[in-house]
Amino acid sequence: MLVKEETIYSPWSGTVEVVLTRENNHVYEWEKLFLIKTNSGRIEEISIGISGYIRSLRVETGQKVNSETILATIQDDLLITGSD
């Protein structure tokens, strides 16, 4: 059985405002996973284009992050979803 895990990195530097998921949760493509308050003060949403199970959360609310910070890992469920 093929198992594919993806690492989710923060695309912005700033502070984790909200973690919207938990370990072992199933998440859907483009579901909001985190809100990051950037260093410029904007709130940015983080989502990913795959569905699957959150295998590890590496950050918590209030934590400082940058573009090298791993936010989570997700095990792709390899289901093709979406629509036109």
C-alpha atoms as a PDB file:
ATOM      1  CA  MET A   1       0.000   0.000   0.000  1.00  0.00           C
ATOM      2  CA  LEU A   2       1.346   3.402  -1.007  1.00  0.00           C
ATOM      3  CA  VAL A   3       1.611   5.941   1.835  1.00  0.00           C
ATOM      4  CA  LYS A   4       2.465   9.499   0.961  1.00  0.00           C
ATOM      5  CA  GLU A   5       3.136  12.115   3.616  1.00  0.00           C
ATOM      6  CA  GLU A   6       3.440  15.808   2.871  1.00  0.00           C
ATOM      7  CA  THR A   7       5.055  18.453   5.045  1.00  0.00           C
ATOM      8  CA  ILE A   8       3.250  21.761   5.448  1.00  0.00           C
ATOM      9  CA  TYR A   9       5.555  24.762   5.840  1.00  0.00           C
ATOM     10  CA  SER A  10       4.575  28.299   6.760  1.00  0.00           C
ATOM     11  CA  PRO A  11       4.689  30.529   3.677  1.00  0.00           C
ATOM     12  CA  TRP A  12       4.922  33.624   5.915  1.00  0.00           C
ATOM     13  CA  SER A  13       6.896  34.887   8.870  1.00  0.00           C
ATOM     14  CA  GLY A  14       4.762  35.905  11.809  1.00  0.00           C
ATOM     15  CA  THR A  15       2.725  34.375  14.629  1.00  0.00           C
ATOM     16  CA  VAL A  16       0.283  31.459  14.641  1.00  0.00           C
ATOM     17  CA  GLU A  17      -3.085  33.060  15.441  1.00  0.00           C
ATOM     18  CA  VAL A  18      -5.256  29.935  15.282  1.00  0.00           C
ATOM     19  CA  VAL A  19      -4.721  26.207  14.718  1.00  0.00           C
ATOM     20  CA  LEU A  20      -7.935  24.963  13.074  1.00  0.00           C
ATOM     21  CA  THR A  21      -7.254  21.213  13.169  1.00  0.00           C
ATOM     22  CA  ARG A  22      -5.912  18.502  15.457  1.00  0.00           C
ATOM     23  CA  GLU A  23      -3.730  15.424  15.070  1.00  0.00           C
ATOM     24  CA  ASN A  24      -5.475  12.480  13.381  1.00  0.00           C
ATOM     25  CA  ASN A  25      -8.238  14.735  11.968  1.00  0.00           C
ATOM     26  CA  HIS A  26      -9.247  14.095   8.382  1.00  0.00           C
ATOM     27  CA  VAL A  27      -9.010  17.308   6.352  1.00  0.00           C
ATOM     28  CA  TYR A  28     -10.259  18.102   2.867  1.00  0.00           C
ATOM     29  CA  GLU A  29      -8.516  19.832  -0.038  1.00  0.00           C
ATOM     30  CA  TRP A  30      -8.214  23.583   0.547  1.00  0.00           C
ATOM     31  CA  GLU A  31      -9.689  23.372   4.059  1.00  0.00           C
ATOM     32  CA  LYS A  32      -8.294  26.125   6.291  1.00  0.00           C
ATOM     33  CA  LEU A  33      -5.739  24.621   8.670  1.00  0.00           C
ATOM     34  CA  PHE A  34      -3.998  27.624  10.248  1.00  0.00           C
ATOM     35  CA  LEU A  35      -4.285  31.388  10.489  1.00  0.00           C
ATOM     36  CA  ILE A  36      -0.975  33.271  10.590  1.00  0.00           C
ATOM     37  CA  LYS A  37      -0.610  36.917  11.557  1.00  0.00           C
ATOM     38  CA  THR A  38       2.245  38.124   9.366  1.00  0.00           C
ATOM     39  CA  ASN A  39       4.933  40.506  10.521  1.00  0.00           C
ATOM     40  CA  SER A  40       3.107  43.215   8.528  1.00  0.00           C
ATOM     41  CA  GLY A  41      -0.079  42.581  10.541  1.00  0.00           C
ATOM     42  CA  ARG A  42      -2.172  40.759   7.916  1.00  0.00           C
ATOM     43  CA  ILE A  43      -4.051  37.559   8.779  1.00  0.00           C
ATOM     44  CA  GLU A  44      -3.274  34.868   6.194  1.00  0.00           C
ATOM     45  CA  GLU A  45      -5.014  31.504   5.831  1.00  0.00           C
ATOM     46  CA  ILE A  46      -3.031  28.323   5.266  1.00  0.00           C
ATOM     47  CA  SER A  47      -4.572  25.388   3.409  1.00  0.00           C
ATOM     48  CA  ILE A  48      -3.188  22.621   1.208  1.00  0.00           C
ATOM     49  CA  GLY A  49      -4.392  21.063  -2.029  1.00  0.00           C
ATOM     50  CA  ILE A  50      -4.645  17.494  -0.747  1.00  0.00           C
ATOM     51  CA  SER A  51      -6.993  15.643   1.561  1.00  0.00           C
ATOM     52  CA  GLY A  52      -5.855  13.231   4.226  1.00  0.00           C
ATOM     53  CA  TYR A  53      -5.058  12.790   7.894  1.00  0.00           C
ATOM     54  CA  ILE A  54      -3.036  15.181  10.047  1.00  0.00           C
ATOM     55  CA  ARG A  55      -0.233  12.993  11.416  1.00  0.00           C
ATOM     56  CA  SER A  56       1.602  15.642  13.432  1.00  0.00           C
ATOM     57  CA  LEU A  57       1.093  19.233  14.458  1.00  0.00           C
ATOM     58  CA  ARG A  58       4.345  21.051  15.072  1.00  0.00           C
ATOM     59  CA  VAL A  59       3.060  24.480  16.167  1.00  0.00           C
ATOM     60  CA  GLU A  60       0.583  25.974  18.595  1.00  0.00           C
ATOM     61  CA  THR A  61      -1.261  29.259  18.961  1.00  0.00           C
ATOM     62  CA  GLY A  62       1.075  32.157  19.725  1.00  0.00           C
ATOM     63  CA  GLN A  63       4.184  30.504  18.298  1.00  0.00           C
ATOM     64  CA  LYS A  64       6.496  32.523  16.049  1.00  0.00           C
ATOM     65  CA  VAL A  65       7.023  31.025  12.574  1.00  0.00           C
ATOM     66  CA  ASN A  66       8.998  31.701   9.403  1.00  0.00           C
ATOM     67  CA  SER A  67       9.286  30.125   5.963  1.00  0.00           C
ATOM     68  CA  GLU A  68      11.362  27.246   7.339  1.00  0.00           C
ATOM     69  CA  THR A  69       8.894  26.345  10.107  1.00  0.00           C
ATOM     70  CA  ILE A  70       7.094  23.023   9.722  1.00  0.00           C
ATOM     71  CA  LEU A  71       3.466  23.491  10.715  1.00  0.00           C
ATOM     72  CA  ALA A  72       2.238  19.917  10.272  1.00  0.00           C
ATOM     73  CA  THR A  73       2.526  16.701   8.311  1.00  0.00           C
ATOM     74  CA  ILE A  74      -0.412  15.198   6.463  1.00  0.00           C
ATOM     75  CA  GLN A  75      -0.842  11.647   5.175  1.00  0.00           C
ATOM     76  CA  ASP A  76      -2.439  11.956   1.740  1.00  0.00           C
ATOM     77  CA  ASP A  77      -5.526   9.759   1.442  1.00  0.00           C
ATOM     78  CA  LEU A  78      -4.853   9.596  -2.337  1.00  0.00           C
ATOM     79  CA  LEU A  79      -8.516  10.295  -3.136  1.00  0.00           C
ATOM     80  CA  ILE A  80      -9.143  12.410  -6.201  1.00  0.00           C
ATOM     81  CA  THR A  81     -11.792  14.991  -5.390  1.00  0.00           C
ATOM     82  CA  GLY A  82     -12.859  18.359  -6.665  1.00  0.00           C
ATOM     83  CA  SER A  83     -15.047  19.730  -9.391  1.00  0.00           C
ATOM     84  CA  ASP A  84     -15.039  22.098 -12.346  1.00  0.00           C
END
